[in-house]
Amino acid sequence: MALLLDMFDPEVVVVVEPGTGLLPHCLADLRTAVAEHSLVCDDPEQAVVASSFTGSVLSTAGAAVALGALYADPLAPWPRIDAPADSPDSSPGPRVNSGSCIVDRA
């Protein structure tokens, strides 16, 4: 973790590993290792924090990637991702998009 902090120099590293939320000494050990090995992190207590979503590691990681792209350039268009040709959703036919949906708000 110290190497990640040294390479990218983020303000905060959020640790999603479940042990950090369930066993407080795990987070303390991570912070101690960062304090001993990092060249740029002055305050591991502030820079290394535990996530409140420790039970959902994969979904948090996926959302972090998507939000990272959004925060990097909030006005950029999102790329379109088509289904692979051999997937069941790739059959020809009408596709539903936001322009074809009618919402009755009455």
C-alpha atoms as a PDB file:
ATOM      1  CA  MET A   1       0.000   0.000   0.000  1.00  0.00           C
ATOM      2  CA  ALA A   2       2.889   2.352   0.699  1.00  0.00           C
ATOM      3  CA  LEU A   3       4.072   1.875  -2.880  1.00  0.00           C
ATOM      4  CA  LEU A   4       0.620   2.815  -4.217  1.00  0.00           C
ATOM      5  CA  LEU A   5       0.627   5.936  -2.081  1.00  0.00           C
ATOM      6  CA  ASP A   6       4.107   6.832  -3.303  1.00  0.00           C
ATOM      7  CA  MET A   7       3.281   6.230  -6.977  1.00  0.00           C
ATOM      8  CA  PHE A   8      -0.099   7.975  -7.197  1.00  0.00           C
ATOM      9  CA  ASP A   9       0.060  10.335  -4.191  1.00  0.00           C
ATOM     10  CA  PRO A  10      -3.703  10.405  -3.536  1.00  0.00           C
ATOM     11  CA  GLU A  11      -5.179  12.400  -0.692  1.00  0.00           C
ATOM     12  CA  VAL A  12      -7.010   9.322   0.633  1.00  0.00           C
ATOM     13  CA  VAL A  13      -6.831   5.563   0.100  1.00  0.00           C
ATOM     14  CA  VAL A  14     -10.099   3.822   0.944  1.00  0.00           C
ATOM     15  CA  VAL A  15      -9.508   0.209   1.933  1.00  0.00           C
ATOM     16  CA  VAL A  16     -12.519  -1.977   1.097  1.00  0.00           C
ATOM     17  CA  GLU A  17     -11.068  -5.257   2.424  1.00  0.00           C
ATOM     18  CA  PRO A  18     -13.598  -6.688   4.945  1.00  0.00           C
ATOM     19  CA  GLY A  19     -10.976  -7.268   7.637  1.00  0.00           C
ATOM     20  CA  THR A  20     -10.409  -3.550   8.094  1.00  0.00           C
ATOM     21  CA  GLY A  21     -14.029  -3.014   9.063  1.00  0.00           C
ATOM     22  CA  LEU A  22     -14.354  -6.078  11.252  1.00  0.00           C
ATOM     23  CA  LEU A  23     -10.943  -6.181  12.920  1.00  0.00           C
ATOM     24  CA  PRO A  24      -9.700  -2.719  13.936  1.00  0.00           C
ATOM     25  CA  HIS A  25      -6.087  -3.888  14.354  1.00  0.00           C
ATOM     26  CA  CYS A  26      -5.933  -4.680  10.594  1.00  0.00           C
ATOM     27  CA  LEU A  27      -6.364  -1.019   9.700  1.00  0.00           C
ATOM     28  CA  ALA A  28      -3.854  -0.038  12.375  1.00  0.00           C
ATOM     29  CA  ASP A  29      -1.344  -2.509  10.893  1.00  0.00           C
ATOM     30  CA  LEU A  30      -1.860  -1.047   7.400  1.00  0.00           C
ATOM     31  CA  ARG A  31      -1.305   2.463   8.699  1.00  0.00           C
ATOM     32  CA  THR A  32       1.836   1.368  10.541  1.00  0.00           C
ATOM     33  CA  ALA A  33       3.214  -0.222   7.374  1.00  0.00           C
ATOM     34  CA  VAL A  34       2.465   2.949   5.398  1.00  0.00           C
ATOM     35  CA  ALA A  35       4.175   5.083   8.040  1.00  0.00           C
ATOM     36  CA  GLU A  36       7.267   2.863   7.899  1.00  0.00           C
ATOM     37  CA  HIS A  37       7.570   2.479   4.121  1.00  0.00           C
ATOM     38  CA  SER A  38       5.954   5.440   2.362  1.00  0.00           C
ATOM     39  CA  LEU A  39       8.125   8.314   1.201  1.00  0.00           C
ATOM     40  CA  VAL A  40       5.273  10.788   0.566  1.00  0.00           C
ATOM     41  CA  CYS A  41       2.566  10.002   3.128  1.00  0.00           C
ATOM     42  CA  ASP A  42       2.965  12.263   6.144  1.00  0.00           C
ATOM     43  CA  ASP A  43      -0.219  11.269   7.974  1.00  0.00           C
ATOM     44  CA  PRO A  44      -1.340   7.637   7.526  1.00  0.00           C
ATOM     45  CA  GLU A  45      -4.211   8.168   9.975  1.00  0.00           C
ATOM     46  CA  GLN A  46      -5.829  10.606   7.526  1.00  0.00           C
ATOM     47  CA  ALA A  47      -4.650   9.007   4.277  1.00  0.00           C
ATOM     48  CA  VAL A  48      -5.638   5.360   4.913  1.00  0.00           C
ATOM     49  CA  VAL A  49      -9.287   4.875   5.861  1.00  0.00           C
ATOM     50  CA  ALA A  50     -11.658   1.920   5.951  1.00  0.00           C
ATOM     51  CA  SER A  51     -14.707   1.814   3.711  1.00  0.00           C
ATOM     52  CA  SER A  52     -18.175   1.617   5.162  1.00  0.00           C
ATOM     53  CA  PHE A  53     -19.012  -0.882   2.371  1.00  0.00           C
ATOM     54  CA  THR A  54     -16.832  -3.747   3.596  1.00  0.00           C
ATOM     55  CA  GLY A  55     -19.462  -6.375   2.764  1.00  0.00           C
ATOM     56  CA  SER A  56     -19.623  -5.551  -0.947  1.00  0.00           C
ATOM     57  CA  VAL A  57     -16.067  -5.478  -2.252  1.00  0.00           C
ATOM     58  CA  LEU A  58     -16.752  -6.259  -5.937  1.00  0.00           C
ATOM     59  CA  SER A  59     -19.630  -3.843  -6.397  1.00  0.00           C
ATOM     60  CA  THR A  60     -17.691  -1.084  -4.657  1.00  0.00           C
ATOM     61  CA  ALA A  61     -14.684  -1.689  -6.907  1.00  0.00           C
ATOM     62  CA  GLY A  62     -16.842  -1.575 -10.030  1.00  0.00           C
ATOM     63  CA  ALA A  63     -18.511   1.629  -8.930  1.00  0.00           C
ATOM     64  CA  ALA A  64     -15.133   3.171  -8.119  1.00  0.00           C
ATOM     65  CA  VAL A  65     -13.952   2.593 -11.690  1.00  0.00           C
ATOM     66  CA  ALA A  66     -17.100   4.145 -13.160  1.00  0.00           C
ATOM     67  CA  LEU A  67     -17.031   7.097 -10.774  1.00  0.00           C
ATOM     68  CA  GLY A  68     -13.326   7.616 -11.431  1.00  0.00           C
ATOM     69  CA  ALA A  69     -14.090   8.159 -15.125  1.00  0.00           C
ATOM     70  CA  LEU A  70     -16.972  10.453 -14.250  1.00  0.00           C
ATOM     71  CA  TYR A  71     -14.913  12.562 -11.841  1.00  0.00           C
ATOM     72  CA  ALA A  72     -11.991  12.756 -14.272  1.00  0.00           C
ATOM     73  CA  ASP A  73     -14.149  14.394 -16.963  1.00  0.00           C
ATOM     74  CA  PRO A  74     -17.746  14.975 -15.827  1.00  0.00           C
ATOM     75  CA  LEU A  75     -18.887  16.508 -19.130  1.00  0.00           C
ATOM     76  CA  ALA A  76     -17.473  13.821 -21.435  1.00  0.00           C
ATOM     77  CA  PRO A  77     -19.889  11.404 -23.081  1.00  0.00           C
ATOM     78  CA  TRP A  78     -19.977   7.881 -21.718  1.00  0.00           C
ATOM     79  CA  PRO A  79     -18.836   5.266 -24.224  1.00  0.00           C
ATOM     80  CA  ARG A  80     -21.456   2.909 -25.628  1.00  0.00           C
ATOM     81  CA  ILE A  81     -20.787  -0.725 -24.816  1.00  0.00           C
ATOM     82  CA  ASP A  82     -22.565  -3.181 -27.106  1.00  0.00           C
ATOM     83  CA  ALA A  83     -23.339  -6.763 -26.149  1.00  0.00           C
ATOM     84  CA  PRO A  84     -21.054  -9.396 -27.705  1.00  0.00           C
ATOM     85  CA  ALA A  85     -22.378 -10.910 -30.951  1.00  0.00           C
ATOM     86  CA  ASP A  86     -22.935 -14.330 -29.350  1.00  0.00           C
ATOM     87  CA  SER A  87     -24.839 -13.084 -26.278  1.00  0.00           C
ATOM     88  CA  PRO A  88     -28.611 -13.664 -25.956  1.00  0.00           C
ATOM     89  CA  ASP A  89     -29.187  -9.886 -25.815  1.00  0.00           C
ATOM     90  CA  SER A  90     -27.600  -9.304 -29.227  1.00  0.00           C
ATOM     91  CA  SER A  91     -30.529 -10.605 -31.270  1.00  0.00           C
ATOM     92  CA  PRO A  92     -31.866  -8.271 -33.944  1.00  0.00           C
ATOM     93  CA  GLY A  93     -35.001  -6.424 -33.109  1.00  0.00           C
ATOM     94  CA  PRO A  94     -36.177  -3.237 -31.512  1.00  0.00           C
ATOM     95  CA  ARG A  95     -34.003  -1.775 -28.804  1.00  0.00           C
ATOM     96  CA  VAL A  96     -35.349   0.378 -26.028  1.00  0.00           C
ATOM     97  CA  ASN A  97     -33.590   3.638 -25.380  1.00  0.00           C
ATOM     98  CA  SER A  98     -34.435   6.816 -23.521  1.00  0.00           C
ATOM     99  CA  GLY A  99     -35.845   8.394 -26.683  1.00  0.00           C
ATOM    100  CA  SER A 100     -38.402   5.604 -27.167  1.00  0.00           C
ATOM    101  CA  CYS A 101     -39.693   5.544 -23.595  1.00  0.00           C
ATOM    102  CA  ILE A 102     -42.852   7.437 -22.755  1.00  0.00           C
ATOM    103  CA  VAL A 103     -43.494   8.140 -19.105  1.00  0.00           C
ATOM    104  CA  ASP A 104     -46.987   9.154 -17.998  1.00  0.00           C
ATOM    105  CA  ARG A 105     -46.553  11.469 -15.052  1.00  0.00           C
ATOM    106  CA  ALA A 106     -50.263  12.153 -14.548  1.00  0.00           C
END
